Amino acid sequence: MESFNQLIQSETPVLVDFYADWCGPCKAMAPAIKETADELSGKARVIKIDVDKNQAVSALYQIRSIPTLIIFKKGQPVWRHTGMIDKVSLTRQLQAFV
């Protein structure tokens, strides 16, 4: 399995969803994130990071509130959003880096 650092080094944009199983807004965002992933399959990658199970990565990117979404391109964060966002806006943001 690829490490987190290997995943985000990609030329292809990577949307990282920092979430927790107990987080209500994270659960509410899940369908929009999945639909966006399906829509941009092959053009972008979407991964989910459980902040409780991946505390080192969460600390590195200063995740203080969830859900937090970060788009990485070539290892660099190019967009970040904390809180809920609608599917159309999320897809538009990700498409900007495809």
PDB file of N, CA and C in Angstrom:
ATOM      1  N   MET A   1       0.843  -1.191   0.000  1.00  0.00           N
ATOM      2  CA  MET A   1       0.000   0.000   0.000  1.00  0.00           C
ATOM      3  C   MET A   1       0.881   1.243   0.000  1.00  0.00           C
ATOM      4  N   GLU A   2       0.495   2.217  -0.793  1.00  0.00           N
ATOM      5  CA  GLU A   2       1.265   3.447  -0.887  1.00  0.00           C
ATOM      6  C   GLU A   2       1.173   4.237   0.415  1.00  0.00           C
ATOM      7  N   SER A   3       2.272   4.900   0.763  1.00  0.00           N
ATOM      8  CA  SER A   3       2.241   5.765   1.943  1.00  0.00           C
ATOM      9  C   SER A   3       1.547   7.079   1.572  1.00  0.00           C
ATOM     10  N   PHE A   4       1.152   7.811   2.587  1.00  0.00           N
ATOM     11  CA  PHE A   4       0.481   9.087   2.359  1.00  0.00           C
ATOM     12  C   PHE A   4       1.361  10.005   1.514  1.00  0.00           C
ATOM     13  N   ASN A   5       2.650  10.092   1.849  1.00  0.00           N
ATOM     14  CA  ASN A   5       3.555  10.975   1.103  1.00  0.00           C
ATOM     15  C   ASN A   5       3.678  10.558  -0.357  1.00  0.00           C
ATOM     16  N   GLN A   6       3.680   9.263  -0.632  1.00  0.00           N
ATOM     17  CA  GLN A   6       3.735   8.801  -2.017  1.00  0.00           C
ATOM     18  C   GLN A   6       2.455   9.189  -2.760  1.00  0.00           C
ATOM     19  N   LEU A   7       1.326   9.068  -2.092  1.00  0.00           N
ATOM     20  CA  LEU A   7       0.040   9.384  -2.719  1.00  0.00           C
ATOM     21  C   LEU A   7      -0.039  10.849  -3.136  1.00  0.00           C
ATOM     22  N   ILE A   8       0.380  11.750  -2.244  1.00  0.00           N
ATOM     23  CA  ILE A   8       0.202  13.178  -2.545  1.00  0.00           C
ATOM     24  C   ILE A   8       1.262  13.729  -3.495  1.00  0.00           C
ATOM     25  N   GLN A   9       2.313  12.961  -3.797  1.00  0.00           N
ATOM     26  CA  GLN A   9       3.358  13.420  -4.730  1.00  0.00           C
ATOM     27  C   GLN A   9       2.908  13.364  -6.187  1.00  0.00           C
ATOM     28  N   SER A  10       1.761  12.829  -6.425  1.00  0.00           N
ATOM     29  CA  SER A  10       1.264  12.594  -7.772  1.00  0.00           C
ATOM     30  C   SER A  10       1.089  13.882  -8.571  1.00  0.00           C
ATOM     31  N   GLU A  11       1.279  13.740  -9.880  1.00  0.00           N
ATOM     32  CA  GLU A  11       0.965  14.810 -10.833  1.00  0.00           C
ATOM     33  C   GLU A  11      -0.560  15.010 -10.874  1.00  0.00           C
ATOM     34  N   THR A  12      -1.269  13.902 -10.666  1.00  0.00           N
ATOM     35  CA  THR A  12      -2.734  13.933 -10.602  1.00  0.00           C
ATOM     36  C   THR A  12      -3.139  14.561  -9.271  1.00  0.00           C
ATOM     37  N   PRO A  13      -4.093  15.487  -9.273  1.00  0.00           N
ATOM     38  CA  PRO A  13      -4.516  16.081  -8.001  1.00  0.00           C
ATOM     39  C   PRO A  13      -5.124  15.030  -7.066  1.00  0.00           C
ATOM     40  N   VAL A  14      -4.856  15.200  -5.789  1.00  0.00           N
ATOM     41  CA  VAL A  14      -5.344  14.284  -4.766  1.00  0.00           C
ATOM     42  C   VAL A  14      -6.149  15.087  -3.749  1.00  0.00           C
ATOM     43  N   LEU A  15      -7.431  14.761  -3.631  1.00  0.00           N
ATOM     44  CA  LEU A  15      -8.280  15.366  -2.610  1.00  0.00           C
ATOM     45  C   LEU A  15      -8.210  14.483  -1.375  1.00  0.00           C
ATOM     46  N   VAL A  16      -7.785  15.069  -0.267  1.00  0.00           N
ATOM     47  CA  VAL A  16      -7.703  14.331   0.985  1.00  0.00           C
ATOM     48  C   VAL A  16      -8.821  14.827   1.902  1.00  0.00           C
ATOM     49  N   ASP A  17      -9.637  13.881   2.333  1.00  0.00           N
ATOM     50  CA  ASP A  17     -10.748  14.155   3.250  1.00  0.00           C
ATOM     51  C   ASP A  17     -10.302  13.717   4.649  1.00  0.00           C
ATOM     52  N   PHE A  18      -9.994  14.691   5.507  1.00  0.00           N
ATOM     53  CA  PHE A  18      -9.667  14.396   6.902  1.00  0.00           C
ATOM     54  C   PHE A  18     -10.985  14.346   7.665  1.00  0.00           C
ATOM     55  N   TYR A  19     -11.276  13.192   8.268  1.00  0.00           N
ATOM     56  CA  TYR A  19     -12.577  12.959   8.880  1.00  0.00           C
ATOM     57  C   TYR A  19     -12.418  12.104  10.135  1.00  0.00           C
ATOM     58  N   ALA A  20     -13.535  11.869  10.818  1.00  0.00           N
ATOM     59  CA  ALA A  20     -13.602  10.904  11.923  1.00  0.00           C
ATOM     60  C   ALA A  20     -14.954  10.208  11.849  1.00  0.00           C
ATOM     61  N   ASP A  21     -14.991   8.954  12.285  1.00  0.00           N
ATOM     62  CA  ASP A  21     -16.232   8.176  12.240  1.00  0.00           C
ATOM     63  C   ASP A  21     -17.345   8.789  13.086  1.00  0.00           C
ATOM     64  N   TRP A  22     -16.986   9.473  14.156  1.00  0.00           N
ATOM     65  CA  TRP A  22     -17.975  10.039  15.069  1.00  0.00           C
ATOM     66  C   TRP A  22     -18.473  11.422  14.642  1.00  0.00           C
ATOM     67  N   CYS A  23     -17.921  11.966  13.572  1.00  0.00           N
ATOM     68  CA  CYS A  23     -18.208  13.339  13.143  1.00  0.00           C
ATOM     69  C   CYS A  23     -19.455  13.398  12.252  1.00  0.00           C
ATOM     70  N   GLY A  24     -20.500  14.059  12.727  1.00  0.00           N
ATOM     71  CA  GLY A  24     -21.753  14.195  11.969  1.00  0.00           C
ATOM     72  C   GLY A  24     -21.574  14.905  10.640  1.00  0.00           C
ATOM     73  N   PRO A  25     -20.942  16.094  10.612  1.00  0.00           N
ATOM     74  CA  PRO A  25     -20.736  16.774   9.334  1.00  0.00           C
ATOM     75  C   PRO A  25     -19.891  15.946   8.348  1.00  0.00           C
ATOM     76  N   CYS A  26     -18.953  15.158   8.880  1.00  0.00           N
ATOM     77  CA  CYS A  26     -18.141  14.290   8.010  1.00  0.00           C
ATOM     78  C   CYS A  26     -19.026  13.253   7.324  1.00  0.00           C
ATOM     79  N   LYS A  27     -19.947  12.672   8.096  1.00  0.00           N
ATOM     80  CA  LYS A  27     -20.878  11.688   7.532  1.00  0.00           C
ATOM     81  C   LYS A  27     -21.779  12.337   6.494  1.00  0.00           C
ATOM     82  N   ALA A  28     -22.204  13.569   6.768  1.00  0.00           N
ATOM     83  CA  ALA A  28     -23.076  14.282   5.833  1.00  0.00           C
ATOM     84  C   ALA A  28     -22.342  14.605   4.530  1.00  0.00           C
ATOM     85  N   MET A  29     -21.027  14.828   4.601  1.00  0.00           N
ATOM     86  CA  MET A  29     -20.225  15.156   3.422  1.00  0.00           C
ATOM     87  C   MET A  29     -19.880  13.931   2.579  1.00  0.00           C
ATOM     88  N   ALA A  30     -19.917  12.747   3.184  1.00  0.00           N
ATOM     89  CA  ALA A  30     -19.459  11.522   2.515  1.00  0.00           C
ATOM     90  C   ALA A  30     -20.087  11.292   1.135  1.00  0.00           C
ATOM     91  N   PRO A  31     -21.402  11.439   0.973  1.00  0.00           N
ATOM     92  CA  PRO A  31     -21.975  11.203  -0.366  1.00  0.00           C
ATOM     93  C   PRO A  31     -21.443  12.184  -1.421  1.00  0.00           C
ATOM     94  N   ALA A  32     -21.284  13.450  -1.065  1.00  0.00           N
ATOM     95  CA  ALA A  32     -20.775  14.444  -2.022  1.00  0.00           C
ATOM     96  C   ALA A  32     -19.335  14.124  -2.414  1.00  0.00           C
ATOM     97  N   ILE A  33     -18.544  13.690  -1.444  1.00  0.00           N
ATOM     98  CA  ILE A  33     -17.154  13.345  -1.723  1.00  0.00           C
ATOM     99  C   ILE A  33     -17.090  12.118  -2.631  1.00  0.00           C
ATOM    100  N   LYS A  34     -17.925  11.128  -2.360  1.00  0.00           N
ATOM    101  CA  LYS A  34     -17.941   9.918  -3.192  1.00  0.00           C
ATOM    102  C   LYS A  34     -18.382  10.243  -4.615  1.00  0.00           C
ATOM    103  N   GLU A  35     -19.420  11.067  -4.756  1.00  0.00           N
ATOM    104  CA  GLU A  35     -19.907  11.445  -6.089  1.00  0.00           C
ATOM    105  C   GLU A  35     -18.831  12.205  -6.857  1.00  0.00           C
ATOM    106  N   THR A  36     -18.126  13.087  -6.178  1.00  0.00           N
ATOM    107  CA  THR A  36     -17.040  13.840  -6.810  1.00  0.00           C
ATOM    108  C   THR A  36     -15.941  12.884  -7.255  1.00  0.00           C
ATOM    109  N   ALA A  37     -15.594  11.930  -6.395  1.00  0.00           N
ATOM    110  CA  ALA A  37     -14.569  10.939  -6.740  1.00  0.00           C
ATOM    111  C   ALA A  37     -14.986  10.139  -7.968  1.00  0.00           C
ATOM    112  N   ASP A  38     -16.244   9.719  -8.009  1.00  0.00           N
ATOM    113  CA  ASP A  38     -16.749   8.944  -9.150  1.00  0.00           C
ATOM    114  C   ASP A  38     -16.720   9.777 -10.427  1.00  0.00           C
ATOM    115  N   GLU A  39     -17.148  11.036 -10.310  1.00  0.00           N
ATOM    116  CA  GLU A  39     -17.227  11.933 -11.460  1.00  0.00           C
ATOM    117  C   GLU A  39     -15.846  12.215 -12.063  1.00  0.00           C
ATOM    118  N   LEU A  40     -14.840  12.318 -11.209  1.00  0.00           N
ATOM    119  CA  LEU A  40     -13.494  12.668 -11.675  1.00  0.00           C
ATOM    120  C   LEU A  40     -12.540  11.470 -11.671  1.00  0.00           C
ATOM    121  N   SER A  41     -13.108  10.277 -11.665  1.00  0.00           N
ATOM    122  CA  SER A  41     -12.305   9.057 -11.676  1.00  0.00           C
ATOM    123  C   SER A  41     -11.344   9.070 -12.863  1.00  0.00           C
ATOM    124  N   GLY A  42     -10.079   8.792 -12.590  1.00  0.00           N
ATOM    125  CA  GLY A  42      -9.071   8.801 -13.639  1.00  0.00           C
ATOM    126  C   GLY A  42      -8.418  10.152 -13.829  1.00  0.00           C
ATOM    127  N   LYS A  43      -9.070  11.219 -13.367  1.00  0.00           N
ATOM    128  CA  LYS A  43      -8.533  12.576 -13.509  1.00  0.00           C
ATOM    129  C   LYS A  43      -7.991  13.097 -12.183  1.00  0.00           C
ATOM    130  N   ALA A  44      -8.560  12.590 -11.091  1.00  0.00           N
ATOM    131  CA  ALA A  44      -8.157  13.001  -9.751  1.00  0.00           C
ATOM    132  C   ALA A  44      -8.346  11.809  -8.829  1.00  0.00           C
ATOM    133  N   ARG A  45      -7.672  11.865  -7.702  1.00  0.00           N
ATOM    134  CA  ARG A  45      -7.776  10.786  -6.725  1.00  0.00           C
ATOM    135  C   ARG A  45      -8.351  11.367  -5.435  1.00  0.00           C
ATOM    136  N   VAL A  46      -9.167  10.580  -4.771  1.00  0.00           N
ATOM    137  CA  VAL A  46      -9.757  11.008  -3.504  1.00  0.00           C
ATOM    138  C   VAL A  46      -9.413   9.970  -2.451  1.00  0.00           C
ATOM    139  N   ILE A  47      -8.834  10.432  -1.340  1.00  0.00           N
ATOM    140  CA  ILE A  47      -8.537   9.519  -0.243  1.00  0.00           C
ATOM    141  C   ILE A  47      -9.097  10.091   1.056  1.00  0.00           C
ATOM    142  N   LYS A  48      -9.412   9.196   1.963  1.00  0.00           N
ATOM    143  CA  LYS A  48      -9.961   9.580   3.260  1.00  0.00           C
ATOM    144  C   LYS A  48      -8.924   9.256   4.330  1.00  0.00           C
ATOM    145  N   ILE A  49      -8.710  10.189   5.237  1.00  0.00           N
ATOM    146  CA  ILE A  49      -7.768  10.000   6.339  1.00  0.00           C
ATOM    147  C   ILE A  49      -8.533  10.171   7.645  1.00  0.00           C
ATOM    148  N   ASP A  50      -8.606   9.105   8.425  1.00  0.00           N
ATOM    149  CA  ASP A  50      -9.253   9.143   9.741  1.00  0.00           C
ATOM    150  C   ASP A  50      -8.293   9.829  10.711  1.00  0.00           C
ATOM    151  N   VAL A  51      -8.686  10.991  11.230  1.00  0.00           N
ATOM    152  CA  VAL A  51      -7.793  11.768  12.088  1.00  0.00           C
ATOM    153  C   VAL A  51      -7.449  11.038  13.383  1.00  0.00           C
ATOM    154  N   ASP A  52      -8.335  10.164  13.862  1.00  0.00           N
ATOM    155  CA  ASP A  52      -8.061   9.420  15.089  1.00  0.00           C
ATOM    156  C   ASP A  52      -7.004   8.334  14.865  1.00  0.00           C
ATOM    157  N   LYS A  53      -6.984   7.759  13.685  1.00  0.00           N
ATOM    158  CA  LYS A  53      -6.045   6.677  13.376  1.00  0.00           C
ATOM    159  C   LYS A  53      -4.744   7.182  12.754  1.00  0.00           C
ATOM    160  N   ASN A  54      -4.747   8.409  12.289  1.00  0.00           N
ATOM    161  CA  ASN A  54      -3.578   8.991  11.611  1.00  0.00           C
ATOM    162  C   ASN A  54      -3.222  10.340  12.229  1.00  0.00           C
ATOM    163  N   GLN A  55      -2.927  10.320  13.501  1.00  0.00           N
ATOM    164  CA  GLN A  55      -2.691  11.565  14.229  1.00  0.00           C
ATOM    165  C   GLN A  55      -1.446  12.315  13.759  1.00  0.00           C
ATOM    166  N   ALA A  56      -0.407  11.597  13.332  1.00  0.00           N
ATOM    167  CA  ALA A  56       0.824  12.260  12.880  1.00  0.00           C
ATOM    168  C   ALA A  56       0.564  13.095  11.622  1.00  0.00           C
ATOM    169  N   VAL A  57      -0.140  12.513  10.649  1.00  0.00           N
ATOM    170  CA  VAL A  57      -0.460  13.240   9.415  1.00  0.00           C
ATOM    171  C   VAL A  57      -1.390  14.405   9.725  1.00  0.00           C
ATOM    172  N   SER A  58      -2.352  14.181  10.601  1.00  0.00           N
ATOM    173  CA  SER A  58      -3.290  15.244  10.976  1.00  0.00           C
ATOM    174  C   SER A  58      -2.553  16.400  11.640  1.00  0.00           C
ATOM    175  N   ALA A  59      -1.591  16.088  12.493  1.00  0.00           N
ATOM    176  CA  ALA A  59      -0.812  17.133  13.166  1.00  0.00           C
ATOM    177  C   ALA A  59       0.068  17.879  12.165  1.00  0.00           C
ATOM    178  N   LEU A  60       0.679  17.138  11.241  1.00  0.00           N
ATOM    179  CA  LEU A  60       1.555  17.745  10.234  1.00  0.00           C
ATOM    180  C   LEU A  60       0.818  18.812   9.424  1.00  0.00           C
ATOM    181  N   TYR A  61      -0.430  18.541   9.083  1.00  0.00           N
ATOM    182  CA  TYR A  61      -1.217  19.483   8.278  1.00  0.00           C
ATOM    183  C   TYR A  61      -2.140  20.347   9.134  1.00  0.00           C
ATOM    184  N   GLN A  62      -1.885  20.352  10.436  1.00  0.00           N
ATOM    185  CA  GLN A  62      -2.589  21.215  11.385  1.00  0.00           C
ATOM    186  C   GLN A  62      -4.108  21.124  11.251  1.00  0.00           C
ATOM    187  N   ILE A  63      -4.595  19.891  11.271  1.00  0.00           N
ATOM    188  CA  ILE A  63      -6.035  19.662  11.201  1.00  0.00           C
ATOM    189  C   ILE A  63      -6.601  19.919  12.597  1.00  0.00           C
ATOM    190  N   ARG A  64      -7.324  21.012  12.734  1.00  0.00           N
ATOM    191  CA  ARG A  64      -7.888  21.400  14.022  1.00  0.00           C
ATOM    192  C   ARG A  64      -9.389  21.184  14.094  1.00  0.00           C
ATOM    193  N   SER A  65     -10.004  21.068  12.932  1.00  0.00           N
ATOM    194  CA  SER A  65     -11.449  20.919  12.845  1.00  0.00           C
ATOM    195  C   SER A  65     -11.744  20.000  11.666  1.00  0.00           C
ATOM    196  N   ILE A  66     -12.801  19.226  11.794  1.00  0.00           N
ATOM    197  CA  ILE A  66     -13.167  18.317  10.704  1.00  0.00           C
ATOM    198  C   ILE A  66     -14.639  18.521  10.342  1.00  0.00           C
ATOM    199  N   PRO A  67     -15.008  18.246   9.109  1.00  0.00           N
ATOM    200  CA  PRO A  67     -14.142  17.786   8.034  1.00  0.00           C
ATOM    201  C   PRO A  67     -13.216  18.900   7.527  1.00  0.00           C
ATOM    202  N   THR A  68     -12.002  18.514   7.161  1.00  0.00           N
ATOM    203  CA  THR A  68     -11.081  19.395   6.456  1.00  0.00           C
ATOM    204  C   THR A  68     -10.708  18.686   5.170  1.00  0.00           C
ATOM    205  N   LEU A  69     -10.801  19.412   4.079  1.00  0.00           N
ATOM    206  CA  LEU A  69     -10.471  18.883   2.752  1.00  0.00           C
ATOM    207  C   LEU A  69      -9.260  19.644   2.232  1.00  0.00           C
ATOM    208  N   ILE A  70      -8.270  18.912   1.740  1.00  0.00           N
ATOM    209  CA  ILE A  70      -7.073  19.526   1.160  1.00  0.00           C
ATOM    210  C   ILE A  70      -6.818  18.870  -0.193  1.00  0.00           C
ATOM    211  N   ILE A  71      -6.575  19.703  -1.202  1.00  0.00           N
ATOM    212  CA  ILE A  71      -6.172  19.192  -2.506  1.00  0.00           C
ATOM    213  C   ILE A  71      -4.657  19.354  -2.606  1.00  0.00           C
ATOM    214  N   PHE A  72      -3.992  18.242  -2.928  1.00  0.00           N
ATOM    215  CA  PHE A  72      -2.542  18.246  -3.115  1.00  0.00           C
ATOM    216  C   PHE A  72      -2.229  18.032  -4.588  1.00  0.00           C
ATOM    217  N   LYS A  73      -1.197  18.701  -5.049  1.00  0.00           N
ATOM    218  CA  LYS A  73      -0.681  18.461  -6.396  1.00  0.00           C
ATOM    219  C   LYS A  73       0.840  18.504  -6.295  1.00  0.00           C
ATOM    220  N   LYS A  74       1.483  17.439  -6.738  1.00  0.00           N
ATOM    221  CA  LYS A  74       2.941  17.300  -6.653  1.00  0.00           C
ATOM    222  C   LYS A  74       3.427  17.486  -5.219  1.00  0.00           C
ATOM    223  N   GLY A  75       2.655  16.989  -4.265  1.00  0.00           N
ATOM    224  CA  GLY A  75       3.062  17.025  -2.875  1.00  0.00           C
ATOM    225  C   GLY A  75       2.754  18.306  -2.128  1.00  0.00           C
ATOM    226  N   GLN A  76       2.247  19.305  -2.831  1.00  0.00           N
ATOM    227  CA  GLN A  76       1.975  20.596  -2.206  1.00  0.00           C
ATOM    228  C   GLN A  76       0.476  20.821  -2.039  1.00  0.00           C
ATOM    229  N   PRO A  77       0.052  21.331  -0.879  1.00  0.00           N
ATOM    230  CA  PRO A  77      -1.364  21.687  -0.734  1.00  0.00           C
ATOM    231  C   PRO A  77      -1.672  22.907  -1.597  1.00  0.00           C
ATOM    232  N   VAL A  78      -2.665  22.787  -2.461  1.00  0.00           N
ATOM    233  CA  VAL A  78      -3.022  23.884  -3.364  1.00  0.00           C
ATOM    234  C   VAL A  78      -4.389  24.477  -3.054  1.00  0.00           C
ATOM    235  N   TRP A  79      -5.145  23.805  -2.172  1.00  0.00           N
ATOM    236  CA  TRP A  79      -6.475  24.291  -1.770  1.00  0.00           C
ATOM    237  C   TRP A  79      -6.833  23.609  -0.469  1.00  0.00           C
ATOM    238  N   ARG A  80      -7.504  24.353   0.408  1.00  0.00           N
ATOM    239  CA  ARG A  80      -7.897  23.802   1.703  1.00  0.00           C
ATOM    240  C   ARG A  80      -9.247  24.390   2.092  1.00  0.00           C
ATOM    241  N   HIS A  81     -10.091  23.536   2.657  1.00  0.00           N
ATOM    242  CA  HIS A  81     -11.413  23.978   3.118  1.00  0.00           C
ATOM    243  C   HIS A  81     -11.768  23.217   4.392  1.00  0.00           C
ATOM    244  N   THR A  82     -12.201  23.948   5.380  1.00  0.00           N
ATOM    245  CA  THR A  82     -12.656  23.319   6.618  1.00  0.00           C
ATOM    246  C   THR A  82     -14.154  23.518   6.744  1.00  0.00           C
ATOM    247  N   GLY A  83     -14.847  22.444   7.107  1.00  0.00           N
ATOM    248  CA  GLY A  83     -16.299  22.494   7.234  1.00  0.00           C
ATOM    249  C   GLY A  83     -16.967  21.887   6.017  1.00  0.00           C
ATOM    250  N   MET A  84     -18.267  22.016   5.987  1.00  0.00           N
ATOM    251  CA  MET A  84     -19.027  21.411   4.895  1.00  0.00           C
ATOM    252  C   MET A  84     -18.937  22.275   3.639  1.00  0.00           C
ATOM    253  N   ILE A  85     -19.050  21.602   2.493  1.00  0.00           N
ATOM    254  CA  ILE A  85     -19.059  22.275   1.197  1.00  0.00           C
ATOM    255  C   ILE A  85     -19.976  21.460   0.283  1.00  0.00           C
ATOM    256  N   ASP A  86     -20.695  22.137  -0.593  1.00  0.00           N
ATOM    257  CA  ASP A  86     -21.605  21.397  -1.469  1.00  0.00           C
ATOM    258  C   ASP A  86     -20.820  20.720  -2.592  1.00  0.00           C
ATOM    259  N   LYS A  87     -21.428  19.694  -3.178  1.00  0.00           N
ATOM    260  CA  LYS A  87     -20.775  18.871  -4.196  1.00  0.00           C
ATOM    261  C   LYS A  87     -20.343  19.686  -5.408  1.00  0.00           C
ATOM    262  N   VAL A  88     -21.184  20.596  -5.855  1.00  0.00           N
ATOM    263  CA  VAL A  88     -20.863  21.399  -7.043  1.00  0.00           C
ATOM    264  C   VAL A  88     -19.596  22.221  -6.800  1.00  0.00           C
ATOM    265  N   SER A  89     -19.517  22.874  -5.648  1.00  0.00           N
ATOM    266  CA  SER A  89     -18.340  23.690  -5.322  1.00  0.00           C
ATOM    267  C   SER A  89     -17.100  22.823  -5.170  1.00  0.00           C
ATOM    268  N   LEU A  90     -17.255  21.675  -4.531  1.00  0.00           N
ATOM    269  CA  LEU A  90     -16.129  20.762  -4.340  1.00  0.00           C
ATOM    270  C   LEU A  90     -15.615  20.255  -5.686  1.00  0.00           C
ATOM    271  N   THR A  91     -16.515  19.836  -6.547  1.00  0.00           N
ATOM    272  CA  THR A  91     -16.128  19.343  -7.875  1.00  0.00           C
ATOM    273  C   THR A  91     -15.429  20.446  -8.667  1.00  0.00           C
ATOM    274  N   ARG A  92     -15.958  21.642  -8.614  1.00  0.00           N
ATOM    275  CA  ARG A  92     -15.369  22.784  -9.323  1.00  0.00           C
ATOM    276  C   ARG A  92     -13.938  23.040  -8.843  1.00  0.00           C
ATOM    277  N   GLN A  93     -13.745  23.002  -7.528  1.00  0.00           N
ATOM    278  CA  GLN A  93     -12.408  23.220  -6.971  1.00  0.00           C
ATOM    279  C   GLN A  93     -11.426  22.154  -7.450  1.00  0.00           C
ATOM    280  N   LEU A  94     -11.846  20.908  -7.395  1.00  0.00           N
ATOM    281  CA  LEU A  94     -10.960  19.820  -7.804  1.00  0.00           C
ATOM    282  C   LEU A  94     -10.675  19.870  -9.304  1.00  0.00           C
ATOM    283  N   GLN A  95     -11.677  20.198 -10.099  1.00  0.00           N
ATOM    284  CA  GLN A  95     -11.499  20.275 -11.549  1.00  0.00           C
ATOM    285  C   GLN A  95     -10.491  21.358 -11.934  1.00  0.00           C
ATOM    286  N   ALA A  96     -10.370  22.395 -11.115  1.00  0.00           N
ATOM    287  CA  ALA A  96      -9.431  23.487 -11.406  1.00  0.00           C
ATOM    288  C   ALA A  96      -7.990  22.998 -11.439  1.00  0.00           C
ATOM    289  N   PHE A  97      -7.724  21.861 -10.789  1.00  0.00           N
ATOM    290  CA  PHE A  97      -6.350  21.340 -10.723  1.00  0.00           C
ATOM    291  C   PHE A  97      -6.133  20.110 -11.592  1.00  0.00           C
ATOM    292  N   VAL A  98      -7.159  19.710 -12.338  1.00  0.00           N
ATOM    293  CA  VAL A  98      -7.053  18.521 -13.201  1.00  0.00           C
ATOM    294  C   VAL A  98      -6.283  18.896 -14.464  1.00  0.00           C
TER     295      VAL A  98
END
